[in-house]
Protein backbone atom coordinates (compact mmCIF):
# COMPACT_ATOMS: atom_id res chain seq x y z
CA MET A 1 13.53 8.59 23.50
CA LEU A 2 13.53 5.32 21.55
CA GLU A 3 12.07 7.13 18.52
CA SER A 4 14.90 9.69 18.68
CA ALA A 5 17.45 6.92 18.99
CA LEU A 6 16.11 5.04 15.98
CA LEU A 7 16.07 8.22 13.88
CA SER A 8 19.69 8.90 14.87
CA PHE A 9 20.70 5.37 13.90
CA ALA A 10 18.84 5.78 10.61
CA ARG A 11 20.44 9.14 9.86
CA PHE A 12 24.05 8.18 10.61
CA GLY A 13 24.06 4.38 10.45
CA TYR A 14 24.70 2.10 13.39
CA ARG A 15 28.49 2.37 13.36
CA LYS A 16 28.64 6.17 13.11
CA THR A 17 25.92 6.88 15.66
CA SER A 18 27.33 7.77 19.04
CA MET A 19 25.60 7.65 22.39
CA ASP A 20 26.34 11.40 22.60
CA GLU A 21 24.34 11.99 19.41
CA VAL A 22 21.42 9.91 20.67
CA ALA A 23 21.47 11.70 24.04
CA ARG A 24 21.36 15.10 22.28
CA ALA A 25 18.53 14.02 19.99
CA ALA A 26 16.56 12.60 22.92
CA GLU A 27 17.32 15.63 25.09
CA ILE A 28 18.77 13.51 27.86
CA SER A 29 22.22 13.53 29.43
CA ARG A 30 24.75 10.98 28.25
CA PRO A 31 25.04 9.51 31.79
CA GLY A 32 21.24 9.33 31.91
CA LEU A 33 21.23 7.43 28.63
CA TYR A 34 23.86 5.00 29.92
CA PHE A 35 21.79 4.56 33.08
CA LEU A 36 18.93 3.32 30.90
CA PHE A 37 21.00 1.40 28.33
CA SER A 38 24.40 -0.08 29.13
CA SER A 39 25.53 -0.15 25.50
CA LYS A 40 24.80 1.18 22.05
CA GLN A 41 23.75 -2.31 20.96
CA GLU A 42 21.24 -2.56 23.81
CA LEU A 43 19.81 0.85 22.85
CA PHE A 44 19.63 -0.09 19.16
CA ARG A 45 17.87 -3.35 19.97
CA ALA A 46 15.37 -1.57 22.25
CA ALA A 47 14.67 1.14 19.66
CA ALA A 48 14.16 -1.33 16.81
CA THR A 49 12.03 -3.62 18.96
CA HIS A 50 9.90 -0.67 20.04
CA ALA A 51 9.33 0.36 16.41
CA LEU A 52 8.47 -3.16 15.27
CA ASP A 53 6.11 -3.69 18.21
CA ARG A 54 4.44 -0.35 17.46
CA ASP A 55 4.00 -1.27 13.79
CA LEU A 56 2.57 -4.69 14.64
CA ALA A 57 0.15 -3.18 17.17
CA ALA A 58 -1.07 -0.66 14.58
CA ALA A 59 -1.51 -3.42 11.98
CA GLU A 60 -3.39 -5.53 14.50
CA ARG A 61 -5.72 -2.63 15.37
CA SER A 62 -6.44 -2.07 11.68
CA LEU A 63 -7.26 -5.71 11.11
CA ALA A 64 -9.44 -5.96 14.22
CA SER A 65 -11.59 -2.98 13.30
CA THR A 66 -14.92 -3.72 11.70
CA ALA A 67 -15.54 -0.17 10.49
CA GLU A 68 -14.00 -0.87 7.07
CA PRO A 69 -14.20 -3.77 4.60
CA LEU A 70 -11.47 -6.41 4.91
CA ARG A 71 -9.67 -5.19 1.78
CA HIS A 72 -9.25 -1.72 3.32
CA ARG A 73 -8.09 -3.17 6.62
CA ILE A 74 -5.48 -5.31 4.85
CA VAL A 75 -4.18 -2.25 2.99
CA ASP A 76 -4.03 -0.30 6.26
CA ALA A 77 -2.16 -3.15 7.96
CA PHE A 78 0.43 -3.24 5.19
CA ASP A 79 0.74 0.54 5.36
CA HIS A 80 1.51 0.37 9.10
CA TRP A 81 3.94 -2.50 8.63
CA ALA A 82 5.78 -1.40 5.48
CA GLY A 83 4.29 1.74 3.93
CA ARG A 84 5.53 3.97 6.70
CA TYR A 85 9.10 3.09 5.67
CA VAL A 86 8.74 4.34 2.10
CA GLY A 87 10.26 7.67 1.11
CA PRO A 88 12.02 9.72 3.79
CA ALA A 89 11.60 7.01 6.45
CA ARG A 90 13.34 4.38 4.27
CA ASP A 91 16.58 4.89 6.22
CA VAL A 92 14.94 3.48 9.35
CA GLU A 93 14.22 0.17 7.66
CA ASP A 94 17.64 0.17 6.01
CA VAL A 95 19.54 0.49 9.29
CA VAL A 96 17.46 -2.29 10.85
CA ALA A 97 17.93 -4.56 7.82
CA ALA A 98 21.68 -3.86 7.72
CA ASN A 99 22.24 -4.97 11.33
CA PRO A 100 20.25 -8.18 11.93
CA ASP A 101 23.02 -9.70 14.04
CA LEU A 102 22.61 -6.89 16.59
CA LEU A 103 18.87 -7.39 16.91
CA GLY A 104 18.53 -11.05 17.77
CA GLU A 105 15.38 -13.03 17.11
CA ILE A 106 13.11 -10.00 16.54
CA VAL A 107 14.22 -9.86 12.89
CA GLU A 108 12.51 -13.22 12.39
CA THR A 109 9.69 -13.11 14.92
CA ALA A 110 8.26 -9.71 13.93
CA PRO A 111 7.75 -10.58 10.24
CA ALA A 112 6.31 -13.95 11.28
CA ARG A 113 3.87 -12.19 13.61
CA PHE A 114 2.81 -9.83 10.81
CA ARG A 115 2.28 -12.76 8.44
CA LYS A 116 0.14 -14.52 11.06
CA LEU A 117 -1.99 -11.39 11.52
CA ILE A 118 -2.63 -11.21 7.78
CA VAL A 119 -3.30 -14.95 7.44
CA ASP A 120 -5.71 -14.93 10.39
CA ALA A 121 -7.61 -11.95 8.96
CA LEU A 122 -7.85 -13.57 5.53
CA ALA A 123 -8.85 -16.94 6.97
CA ARG A 124 -12.12 -15.41 8.15
CA THR A 125 -13.22 -15.17 4.51
CA VAL A 126 -11.24 -17.83 2.62
CA ASP A 127 -9.88 -21.26 3.54
CA ARG A 128 -6.58 -21.34 5.45
CA THR A 129 -4.49 -22.64 2.53
CA THR A 130 -5.75 -19.85 0.30
CA ALA A 131 -5.19 -17.35 3.12
CA LEU A 132 -1.56 -18.48 3.40
CA ASP A 133 -1.06 -18.18 -0.36
CA ILE A 134 -2.64 -14.72 -0.53
CA ALA A 135 -0.69 -13.50 2.51
CA ASP A 136 2.64 -14.72 1.15
CA THR A 137 1.95 -13.19 -2.25
CA LEU A 138 0.94 -9.85 -0.70
CA ILE A 139 4.04 -9.82 1.50
CA SER A 140 6.28 -10.50 -1.51
CA THR A 141 4.45 -7.84 -3.49
CA SER A 142 4.86 -5.38 -0.63
CA VAL A 143 8.62 -5.93 -0.57
CA GLY A 144 8.88 -5.21 -4.28
CA VAL A 145 6.54 -2.21 -4.26
CA LYS A 146 8.34 -0.70 -1.29
CA HIS A 147 11.56 -0.56 -3.31
CA GLU A 148 9.92 0.78 -6.47
CA VAL A 149 7.93 3.73 -5.17
CA GLU A 150 9.04 7.02 -3.69
CA THR A 151 6.06 7.95 -1.54
CA ARG A 152 3.84 6.32 1.02
CA GLU A 153 0.79 7.29 -1.01
CA ALA A 154 2.18 5.47 -4.06
CA TYR A 155 2.87 2.43 -1.88
CA ARG A 156 -0.73 2.45 -0.60
CA ARG A 157 -2.11 2.71 -4.15
CA ARG A 158 -0.02 -0.20 -5.41
CA ILE A 159 -0.67 -2.47 -2.43
CA ALA A 160 -4.40 -1.67 -2.73
CA VAL A 161 -4.32 -2.90 -6.34
CA ALA A 162 -2.62 -6.12 -5.23
CA VAL A 163 -5.16 -6.65 -2.45
CA HIS A 164 -8.02 -6.00 -4.86
CA LEU A 165 -6.63 -8.50 -7.38
CA LEU A 166 -5.86 -11.24 -4.87
CA LEU A 167 -8.66 -11.03 -2.36
CA PRO A 168 -12.15 -11.93 -3.50
CA GLU A 169 -14.69 -9.32 -2.50
CA GLN A 170 -16.53 -10.54 0.57
CA PRO A 171 -19.21 -9.01 2.72
CA ASP A 172 -17.75 -8.16 6.13
């Protein structure tokens, strides 16, 4: 249901999305929706938090895996965090970014958690200061690439180039 809600907010914007529309999209009655969420703001916050938590968990799983070299895991983590919002899914990120006051601290804590995941992964192969510098540069690069490309595949290609250029090849 939270996925349906977030897609409705993305499609129509926060202001124009009604609880009726979300209930229809989630195939639940309007009273049932109000039973679960007392307001549209509460629903929006829950939907956005769910999406950010899901993205962070996927990034963390990618980074924790040892099946791929670190460079590949970093690219996968960025894809889960940002690449999934390129192209048709861009509206989801836009509606979240346009309404930070409705979301509370998650708009600051989620990006900080992602940064920490990347720094910690990098710090296994380079010193912590270098890991911080590489992570911050990759995050800035990701923001720019995300707004320049039209497809998730193009995002992955470009972020892979950045990772390759910034991260020394290391045996894993």
